[in-house]
Protein backbone atom coordinates (compact mmCIF):
# COMPACT_ATOMS: atom_id res chain seq x y z
CA MET A 1 -89.76 -17.85 24.29
CA SER A 2 -86.41 -16.09 23.98
CA MET A 3 -87.94 -12.82 25.20
CA LEU A 4 -88.91 -14.58 28.42
CA ILE A 5 -85.28 -15.47 29.05
CA PHE A 6 -84.24 -11.83 28.62
CA ALA A 7 -87.10 -10.68 30.85
CA ILE A 8 -85.28 -12.38 33.73
CA TRP A 9 -82.29 -10.08 33.11
CA GLY A 10 -84.39 -6.99 33.42
CA CYS A 11 -84.95 -4.30 30.84
CA VAL A 12 -82.74 -4.94 27.82
CA GLN A 13 -83.62 -2.44 25.10
CA GLU A 14 -82.18 -4.55 22.35
CA PHE A 15 -84.63 -7.39 23.05
CA THR A 16 -87.78 -5.77 24.46
CA LYS A 17 -89.97 -3.15 22.82
CA ASP A 18 -91.35 -1.19 25.78
CA CYS A 19 -88.04 -0.59 27.49
CA LEU A 20 -86.65 2.88 28.08
CA ASP A 21 -83.41 2.07 29.86
CA MET A 22 -81.26 -0.95 30.66
CA THR A 23 -81.24 -1.94 34.32
CA ASN A 24 -78.06 -2.34 36.35
CA ALA A 25 -78.60 -6.08 36.63
CA SER A 26 -78.98 -6.61 32.90
CA SER A 27 -75.96 -4.45 32.10
CA THR A 28 -73.94 -6.43 34.65
CA TYR A 29 -74.99 -9.77 33.11
CA LEU A 30 -74.31 -8.45 29.62
CA GLY A 31 -70.85 -7.28 30.74
CA ILE A 32 -70.11 -10.69 32.26
CA VAL A 33 -71.13 -12.48 29.06
CA ILE A 34 -69.09 -10.17 26.83
CA GLY A 35 -66.10 -10.41 29.19
CA ALA A 36 -66.31 -14.20 29.17
CA LEU A 37 -66.40 -14.25 25.36
CA ILE A 38 -63.40 -11.93 25.07
CA GLY A 39 -61.52 -13.91 27.73
CA GLY A 40 -62.29 -17.16 25.92
CA VAL A 41 -60.99 -15.81 22.62
CA ILE A 42 -57.78 -14.51 24.22
CA SER A 43 -57.22 -17.80 26.09
CA TRP A 44 -57.77 -19.78 22.89
CA TRP A 45 -55.31 -17.55 21.01
CA ILE A 46 -52.64 -17.92 23.73
CA TYR A 47 -53.12 -21.71 23.83
CA ASN A 48 -52.79 -21.99 20.04
CA ARG A 49 -49.70 -19.78 20.02
CA GLN A 50 -47.98 -21.76 22.78
CA ASN A 51 -48.89 -25.03 21.08
CA LYS A 52 -47.35 -23.85 17.80
CA ILE A 53 -44.15 -22.71 19.53
CA SER A 54 -43.94 -26.02 21.41
CA ARG A 55 -44.22 -28.01 18.17
CA GLU A 56 -41.51 -25.87 16.55
CA GLN A 57 -39.22 -26.37 19.55
CA ASP A 58 -39.78 -30.15 19.43
CA HIS A 59 -38.93 -30.17 15.73
CA ILE A 60 -35.71 -28.20 16.34
CA LEU A 61 -34.70 -30.50 19.23
CA GLN A 62 -35.28 -33.58 17.07
CA HIS A 63 -33.18 -32.05 14.31
CA ILE A 64 -30.36 -31.30 16.79
CA ASN A 65 -30.50 -34.90 18.09
CA LYS A 66 -30.25 -36.25 14.53
CA LEU A 67 -27.24 -34.02 13.84
CA GLU A 68 -25.53 -35.17 17.03
CA GLN A 69 -26.11 -38.85 16.21
CA THR A 70 -24.71 -38.57 12.70
CA GLU A 71 -21.43 -37.04 13.83
């Protein structure tokens, strides 16, 4: 069943036995998939980093407000 899905892509040596070379179409699709995965990981990392910095900034601002109110 899974081999049929990869047959649509063209000749992918990693998934078919009688394949001598990867076609341009399958290498393009494989590049798109790998690029999307890498882009997703980088986007997730940037989002997490910005979220952490935002929480730290909120904590600092709350601390400053408390200090101003006590004076």
